[in-house]
Amino acid sequence: MTITAAIPPHPIRAGSPRLHTVDLRGPEGRLEAVVNEGAADAPFSAVICHPHPLGGGTLHNKVVYYAMKALNAPDWGLRWPVLRFNFRGTGRSEGTHRGNAEAEDILAAVDWLENQYGLPVVVVGFSFGAAMALRAVHSNARGVRAVAALGLPTRAQGREYHYPFLKSLALPKLFLSGDRDQFASPPELEQIVAEAAPPKHRVVLRGADHFFTGQLKPMQDALTGWLKESVV
């Protein structure tokens, strides 16, 4: 299913749940990570994965931050605990950037969330983080309830991205991109979604580029709207 959306902005009010650092251990050592605590009765937890580190992507990326707010802040009604972390070799995370092995870092983050909260996990990724999120949950979906790919790339950083494994990934999937995405044209993404196993949902934000410039609030509303309709 594909929806082309031009959603009005959602206000962000002051005040946010408690933020603290966590000791997250990945396959190559410590991963720098922070968690925004959620409501005591939250039914899910979430991890959000940042864009390509060689392009400056970190856990502090603006799209990652706004996605966290959508899942965590009271404004959108979810109030889940949300973990953000730096992939290996990024910021204070130990290890060396690999290009595909970063999917294992996501699985370490999922394990941490499961051990900490005992809740099903939703995995959200932006750009390179979206590609790694899909790869991670395909290799091991234990404890993962759904996955959302924001700005999923087909070519970036001199690399092409292919997703044949989506044909067998039966988790609920959101593909959320702009119709002016510099790293994946609408026809390319349409083909990827068409070949993916259901359940799946595609949202195209009119006028949005890869970084959702000027469209961050519509991105938040589209993400939370899908979660409330298809996951919660």
Protein backbone atom coordinates (compact mmCIF):
# COMPACT_ATOMS: atom_id res chain seq x y z
CA MET A 1 0.00 0.00 0.00
CA THR A 2 1.31 3.45 -0.93
CA ILE A 3 0.13 6.78 0.45
CA THR A 4 1.35 10.13 -0.82
CA ALA A 5 1.13 12.48 2.13
CA ALA A 6 1.38 16.18 2.81
CA ILE A 7 0.70 16.20 6.54
CA PRO A 8 0.43 19.44 8.54
CA PRO A 9 3.15 20.06 11.14
CA HIS A 10 2.73 18.73 14.67
CA PRO A 11 3.74 21.04 17.55
CA ILE A 12 6.59 20.09 19.86
CA ARG A 13 6.07 21.16 23.45
CA ALA A 14 8.73 21.63 26.11
CA GLY A 15 9.61 18.80 28.45
CA SER A 16 10.94 15.31 27.71
CA PRO A 17 11.42 12.08 29.66
CA ARG A 18 14.72 11.40 31.40
CA LEU A 19 17.77 10.85 29.19
CA HIS A 20 20.81 8.89 30.31
CA THR A 21 23.77 7.02 28.87
CA VAL A 22 23.87 3.23 28.83
CA ASP A 23 26.61 0.61 28.73
CA LEU A 24 25.89 -1.10 25.41
CA ARG A 25 28.27 -3.84 24.32
CA GLY A 26 28.54 -4.71 20.64
CA PRO A 27 30.51 -7.34 18.74
CA GLU A 28 33.58 -5.07 18.58
CA GLY A 29 33.34 -3.50 22.03
CA ARG A 30 31.48 -0.66 23.68
CA LEU A 31 28.89 1.25 21.65
CA GLU A 32 28.17 4.81 22.70
CA ALA A 33 24.45 4.93 23.50
CA VAL A 34 21.73 6.94 25.21
CA VAL A 35 18.19 6.04 26.16
CA ASN A 36 15.17 8.26 26.66
CA GLU A 37 13.04 6.61 29.33
CA GLY A 38 9.37 6.08 28.49
CA ALA A 39 6.15 5.64 30.41
CA ALA A 40 6.02 2.96 33.10
CA ASP A 41 3.24 1.16 31.20
CA ALA A 42 4.79 1.45 27.73
CA PRO A 43 3.90 -1.63 25.63
CA PHE A 44 6.95 -1.39 23.34
CA SER A 45 10.53 -0.16 23.30
CA ALA A 46 12.41 1.12 20.26
CA VAL A 47 15.87 1.55 18.82
CA ILE A 48 16.66 4.19 16.19
CA CYS A 49 19.67 3.76 13.88
CA HIS A 50 21.63 6.66 12.42
CA PRO A 51 22.74 7.38 8.82
CA HIS A 52 26.10 6.58 7.27
CA PRO A 53 29.01 7.46 9.60
CA LEU A 54 31.28 8.28 6.66
CA GLY A 55 28.79 10.99 5.76
CA GLY A 56 28.76 12.37 9.29
CA GLY A 57 25.91 10.27 10.63
CA THR A 58 25.69 9.85 14.43
CA LEU A 59 23.05 9.22 17.07
CA HIS A 60 22.62 13.01 17.22
CA ASN A 61 21.44 13.25 13.58
CA LYS A 62 18.38 15.49 13.26
CA VAL A 63 16.13 12.88 11.61
CA VAL A 64 17.11 10.34 14.28
CA TYR A 65 16.35 12.88 17.01
CA TYR A 66 12.95 13.81 15.60
CA ALA A 67 12.03 10.14 15.16
CA MET A 68 12.98 9.55 18.80
CA LYS A 69 10.77 12.44 19.90
CA ALA A 70 7.83 11.00 17.96
CA LEU A 71 8.12 7.66 19.77
CA ASN A 72 9.06 9.02 23.19
CA ALA A 73 7.56 12.47 23.84
CA PRO A 74 4.01 12.70 25.27
CA ASP A 75 2.82 14.81 22.31
CA TRP A 76 2.35 11.78 20.03
CA GLY A 77 0.84 9.50 22.65
CA LEU A 78 3.31 6.60 22.55
CA ARG A 79 5.84 7.44 25.30
CA TRP A 80 8.08 4.43 24.61
CA PRO A 81 11.64 4.05 25.90
CA VAL A 82 13.92 4.76 22.94
CA LEU A 83 17.56 3.78 22.53
CA ARG A 84 19.94 5.61 20.20
CA PHE A 85 23.52 4.48 19.66
CA ASN A 86 26.57 5.09 17.49
CA PHE A 87 27.60 2.32 15.13
CA ARG A 88 31.05 0.80 15.61
CA GLY A 89 33.87 3.25 14.94
CA THR A 90 31.56 6.27 15.26
CA GLY A 91 31.90 8.87 18.02
CA ARG A 92 32.98 7.07 21.18
CA SER A 93 31.97 3.62 19.90
CA GLU A 94 34.76 1.10 19.68
CA GLY A 95 35.59 -0.92 16.58
CA THR A 96 35.95 -0.11 12.89
CA HIS A 97 33.33 0.76 10.29
CA ARG A 98 32.61 -2.28 8.10
CA GLY A 99 29.63 -1.48 5.90
CA ASN A 100 27.45 -4.54 6.52
CA ALA A 101 28.49 -5.85 9.92
CA GLU A 102 26.79 -2.84 11.51
CA ALA A 103 23.62 -4.93 11.40
CA GLU A 104 25.15 -6.89 14.28
CA ASP A 105 25.38 -3.67 16.31
CA ILE A 106 21.61 -3.28 15.93
CA LEU A 107 21.03 -6.80 17.22
CA ALA A 108 23.16 -5.95 20.27
CA ALA A 109 20.94 -2.91 20.83
CA VAL A 110 17.80 -5.05 20.52
CA ASP A 111 19.21 -7.51 23.06
CA TRP A 112 19.93 -4.65 25.48
CA LEU A 113 16.38 -3.34 25.18
CA GLU A 114 14.90 -6.79 25.72
CA ASN A 115 17.04 -7.37 28.80
CA GLN A 116 16.33 -3.91 30.19
CA TYR A 117 12.59 -3.63 29.59
CA GLY A 118 11.26 -7.07 28.64
CA LEU A 119 9.14 -5.49 25.90
CA PRO A 120 8.78 -6.20 22.18
CA VAL A 121 11.04 -3.94 20.13
CA VAL A 122 10.37 -1.70 17.15
CA VAL A 123 13.46 -0.99 15.03
CA VAL A 124 13.63 2.32 13.15
CA GLY A 125 16.46 3.31 10.84
CA PHE A 126 17.28 6.34 8.74
CA SER A 127 19.22 6.08 5.45
CA PHE A 128 22.18 3.72 6.03
CA GLY A 129 20.56 2.95 9.38
CA ALA A 130 17.40 1.89 7.56
CA ALA A 131 19.35 -0.46 5.30
CA MET A 132 21.12 -2.00 8.30
CA ALA A 133 17.86 -2.22 10.28
CA LEU A 134 16.19 -4.27 7.56
CA ARG A 135 19.23 -6.52 7.28
CA ALA A 136 19.41 -6.98 11.06
CA VAL A 137 15.80 -7.95 11.60
CA HIS A 138 15.89 -10.29 8.64
CA SER A 139 18.85 -12.16 10.12
CA ASN A 140 17.29 -12.35 13.59
CA ALA A 141 13.80 -11.00 14.24
CA ARG A 142 13.53 -12.48 17.75
CA GLY A 143 11.86 -9.92 19.98
CA VAL A 144 11.30 -7.46 17.12
CA ARG A 145 7.67 -6.57 16.40
CA ALA A 146 8.10 -4.18 13.43
CA VAL A 147 10.65 -2.22 11.42
CA ALA A 148 10.46 1.26 9.88
CA ALA A 149 12.81 2.38 7.10
CA LEU A 150 13.10 6.17 6.76
CA GLY A 151 14.82 7.39 3.61
CA LEU A 152 15.84 3.90 2.51
CA PRO A 153 18.71 4.32 0.02
CA THR A 154 19.27 2.53 -3.27
CA ARG A 155 22.61 4.23 -3.94
CA ALA A 156 24.74 6.39 -1.66
CA GLN A 157 28.39 6.92 -0.66
CA GLY A 158 29.45 5.28 -3.94
CA ARG A 159 27.58 2.11 -3.05
CA GLU A 160 24.44 0.42 -4.36
CA TYR A 161 21.95 -1.10 -1.93
CA HIS A 162 19.87 -4.17 -2.78
CA TYR A 163 17.22 -5.83 -0.64
CA PRO A 164 16.29 -9.25 -2.08
CA PHE A 165 15.88 -10.63 1.45
CA LEU A 166 12.74 -8.49 1.91
CA LYS A 167 10.86 -11.14 -0.04
CA SER A 168 10.95 -13.32 3.07
CA LEU A 169 10.72 -10.68 5.81
CA ALA A 170 7.18 -11.09 7.16
CA LEU A 171 7.37 -8.45 9.91
CA PRO A 172 5.26 -5.29 9.56
CA LYS A 173 7.35 -2.84 7.53
CA LEU A 174 7.08 0.89 6.91
CA PHE A 175 8.89 2.53 3.98
CA LEU A 176 8.77 6.30 4.50
CA SER A 177 10.56 8.59 2.05
CA GLY A 178 10.24 11.88 0.22
CA ASP A 179 9.46 12.16 -3.46
CA ARG A 180 12.66 14.23 -3.89
CA ASP A 181 14.99 11.76 -2.18
CA GLN A 182 18.48 12.18 -3.66
CA PHE A 183 19.52 8.60 -2.90
CA ALA A 184 16.46 6.67 -4.05
CA SER A 185 13.98 7.62 -6.74
CA PRO A 186 10.27 6.91 -6.20
CA PRO A 187 10.21 4.24 -8.96
CA GLU A 188 13.19 2.44 -7.38
CA LEU A 189 11.57 2.41 -3.96
CA GLU A 190 8.23 1.39 -5.42
CA GLN A 191 9.91 -1.66 -6.95
CA ILE A 192 11.58 -2.55 -3.64
CA VAL A 193 8.29 -2.30 -1.76
CA ALA A 194 6.44 -4.25 -4.45
CA GLU A 195 8.85 -7.17 -4.08
CA ALA A 196 8.77 -7.15 -0.26
CA ALA A 197 6.67 -9.64 1.66
CA PRO A 198 3.54 -8.35 3.40
CA PRO A 199 2.63 -6.75 5.71
CA LYS A 200 4.11 -3.56 4.31
CA HIS A 201 3.17 0.08 4.01
CA ARG A 202 4.70 2.87 1.94
CA VAL A 203 4.35 6.60 2.60
CA VAL A 204 5.70 9.23 0.22
CA LEU A 205 5.95 12.79 1.54
CA ARG A 206 5.44 15.33 -1.23
CA GLY A 207 8.25 17.86 -1.49
CA ALA A 208 10.53 16.04 0.96
CA ASP A 209 14.16 15.27 0.17
CA HIS A 210 16.32 12.51 1.65
CA PHE A 211 16.82 14.45 4.88
CA PHE A 212 13.15 15.45 5.23
CA THR A 213 14.22 19.09 5.06
CA GLY A 214 11.26 21.18 6.16
CA GLN A 215 9.25 17.97 6.51
CA LEU A 216 10.44 16.57 9.84
CA LYS A 217 7.11 17.02 11.58
CA PRO A 218 5.15 15.35 8.77
CA MET A 219 7.68 12.52 9.00
CA GLN A 220 6.92 12.18 12.71
CA ASP A 221 3.17 12.10 12.13
CA ALA A 222 3.48 9.51 9.36
CA LEU A 223 5.69 7.30 11.54
CA THR A 224 3.47 7.44 14.61
CA GLY A 225 0.31 7.11 12.52
CA TRP A 226 1.57 3.84 11.04
CA LEU A 227 2.62 2.51 14.42
CA LYS A 228 -0.76 3.26 15.98
CA GLU A 229 -2.62 1.69 13.07
CA SER A 230 -0.46 -1.32 12.30
CA VAL A 231 1.60 -2.18 15.39
CA VAL A 232 0.17 -0.91 18.68
